[in-house]
Every structure is written in structure tokens, then in C-alpha cells.
Amino acid sequence: MGFSLGFLVGVFGVLVLSHAAYSTVQYRGLLKIMEEEFSGPPITVVAELLLGLVFSLWAALTVPGTFLSIHPHSEENMIVALPANLDFMVFNHRGKVFPVEMDLKLKH
């Protein structure tokens, strides 16, 4: 079960983000006990959030694979051949029940 480095970094990033959320909730609970007002999370939690964000973004961009071209005339998007067995190509469907032209007018 070989996990890639990007996947492990992504799991670590999600764990860091979860720990930052837990730390913020714990900090707010402590402030409620001390009857102080919440003005924002501590700087350590903010740094943890940024670190988790960087790890998660890096993993999200590297784990799925390489980007493919979206241009219609690209080599990757060319249709090579039709399926060998044309018997399974069905052109009769429920769309023929609907009229070809619909005379619907928008209400103003």
C-alpha cells in the first residue's frame, strides 16, 4: 500500500488544519472561563493555519496528476476510433417524445 509523498503531505495538512480548529475552540473555551472577550486566535494558531493551508494546497495540486490540454485541436483530445462493436450504440431515446419546436413565451 504505497502512498505517494503528496498524499501523505495532504493528510498531514488536513491534520494540521484540524488541530488549529481544535486549538481555537479550546482557546475560546478558556476565554469564557476567564470571562474575557475573544478578539481573535493566538498567533501560533494563525501560523498553524497558514502552514496547513500550504500543505493542503501543495497536495491538492500535485496528487491528482499532470494537467492535460483543454484545446480542441490538441493531440490528447483527438478521437482515435469508434468502438469495435457498433451494436451497442443506441440512438432511440426518450428525447423523441418532446416536440421539436416548443412555442413557449416568457411571461413579463
Protein backbone atom coordinates (compact mmCIF):
# COMPACT_ATOMS: atom_id res chain seq x y z
CA MET A 1 0.00 0.00 0.00
CA GLY A 2 2.36 2.68 -1.25
CA PHE A 3 1.17 6.19 -0.59
CA SER A 4 2.80 8.97 -2.52
CA LEU A 5 4.58 11.83 -0.82
CA GLY A 6 1.92 14.28 -1.98
CA PHE A 7 -0.86 12.21 -0.43
CA LEU A 8 0.95 12.00 2.90
CA VAL A 9 1.62 15.74 2.86
CA GLY A 10 -2.11 16.29 2.18
CA VAL A 11 -3.12 14.11 5.12
CA PHE A 12 -0.62 15.97 7.31
CA GLY A 13 -2.05 19.31 6.10
CA VAL A 14 -5.59 18.28 6.98
CA LEU A 15 -4.43 17.12 10.40
CA VAL A 16 -2.68 20.46 10.99
CA LEU A 17 -5.84 22.34 9.98
CA SER A 18 -7.94 20.15 12.29
CA HIS A 19 -5.55 20.79 15.18
CA ALA A 20 -5.72 24.54 14.55
CA ALA A 21 -9.52 24.42 14.66
CA TYR A 22 -9.45 22.40 17.87
CA SER A 23 -6.93 24.82 19.42
CA THR A 24 -9.16 27.79 18.54
CA VAL A 25 -12.21 26.17 20.15
CA GLN A 26 -10.17 25.29 23.22
CA TYR A 27 -8.83 28.86 23.41
CA ARG A 28 -12.35 30.30 23.20
CA GLY A 29 -13.49 27.97 25.99
CA LEU A 30 -10.59 29.16 28.14
CA LEU A 31 -11.53 32.79 27.49
CA LYS A 32 -15.13 32.08 28.51
CA ILE A 33 -13.93 30.60 31.80
CA MET A 34 -11.71 33.62 32.41
CA GLU A 35 -14.59 35.91 31.30
CA GLU A 36 -12.51 37.68 28.67
CA GLU A 37 -13.62 38.73 25.21
CA PHE A 38 -12.49 36.82 22.10
CA SER A 39 -10.67 39.14 19.71
CA GLY A 40 -9.01 36.50 17.53
CA PRO A 41 -6.97 33.33 17.71
CA PRO A 42 -3.41 33.39 19.04
CA ILE A 43 -0.55 33.92 16.58
CA THR A 44 0.52 30.28 16.93
CA VAL A 45 -2.88 29.12 15.67
CA VAL A 46 -2.71 31.57 12.75
CA ALA A 47 0.74 30.25 11.84
CA GLU A 48 -0.61 26.70 12.10
CA LEU A 49 -3.50 27.61 9.79
CA LEU A 50 -1.14 29.05 7.18
CA LEU A 51 1.13 26.00 7.37
CA GLY A 52 -1.84 23.63 7.00
CA LEU A 53 -3.12 25.70 4.06
CA VAL A 54 0.23 25.50 2.27
CA PHE A 55 0.49 21.73 2.81
CA SER A 56 -3.09 21.13 1.66
CA LEU A 57 -2.75 23.30 -1.43
CA TRP A 58 0.53 21.67 -2.41
CA ALA A 59 -1.01 18.23 -2.07
CA ALA A 60 -4.14 19.25 -3.99
CA LEU A 61 -2.03 20.45 -6.90
CA THR A 62 0.39 17.52 -7.03
CA VAL A 63 -1.65 14.41 -6.13
CA PRO A 64 -4.25 14.38 -8.95
CA GLY A 65 -1.60 14.19 -11.67
CA THR A 66 -0.49 16.30 -14.56
CA PHE A 67 -2.68 18.88 -16.19
CA LEU A 68 -3.99 17.98 -19.64
CA SER A 69 -4.61 20.32 -22.53
CA ILE A 70 -8.15 21.64 -23.00
CA HIS A 71 -7.62 22.90 -26.53
CA PRO A 72 -9.91 21.09 -29.01
CA HIS A 73 -7.14 20.51 -31.56
CA SER A 74 -4.70 19.09 -29.04
CA GLU A 75 -3.19 15.63 -29.54
CA GLU A 76 -4.72 14.29 -26.29
CA ASN A 77 -8.26 15.23 -27.36
CA MET A 78 -8.33 13.52 -30.75
CA ILE A 79 -10.83 10.69 -31.20
CA VAL A 80 -8.86 7.63 -32.25
CA ALA A 81 -11.62 5.29 -33.44
CA LEU A 82 -15.21 4.30 -32.90
CA PRO A 83 -15.94 1.29 -30.71
CA ALA A 84 -15.42 -2.04 -32.45
CA ASN A 85 -18.97 -3.25 -31.72
CA LEU A 86 -21.50 -0.76 -33.12
CA ASP A 87 -24.46 -2.90 -31.97
CA PHE A 88 -24.48 -1.22 -28.58
CA MET A 89 -24.81 2.31 -29.96
CA VAL A 90 -28.44 3.29 -29.30
CA PHE A 91 -29.96 6.36 -30.89
CA ASN A 92 -33.57 5.75 -29.79
CA HIS A 93 -34.19 7.53 -26.53
CA ARG A 94 -36.89 9.44 -24.67
CA GLY A 95 -35.94 12.71 -26.33
CA LYS A 96 -38.17 11.91 -29.32
CA VAL A 97 -41.25 12.34 -27.08
CA PHE A 98 -40.64 16.07 -26.79
CA PRO A 99 -41.72 18.30 -29.66
CA VAL A 100 -39.01 19.66 -31.90
CA GLU A 101 -40.12 23.27 -31.59
CA MET A 102 -41.63 24.48 -28.39
CA ASP A 103 -43.82 27.57 -28.60
CA LEU A 104 -43.20 28.79 -25.09
CA LYS A 105 -43.19 32.50 -24.46
CA LEU A 106 -41.66 34.17 -21.46
CA LYS A 107 -44.04 35.94 -19.13
CA HIS A 108 -43.10 39.55 -18.43
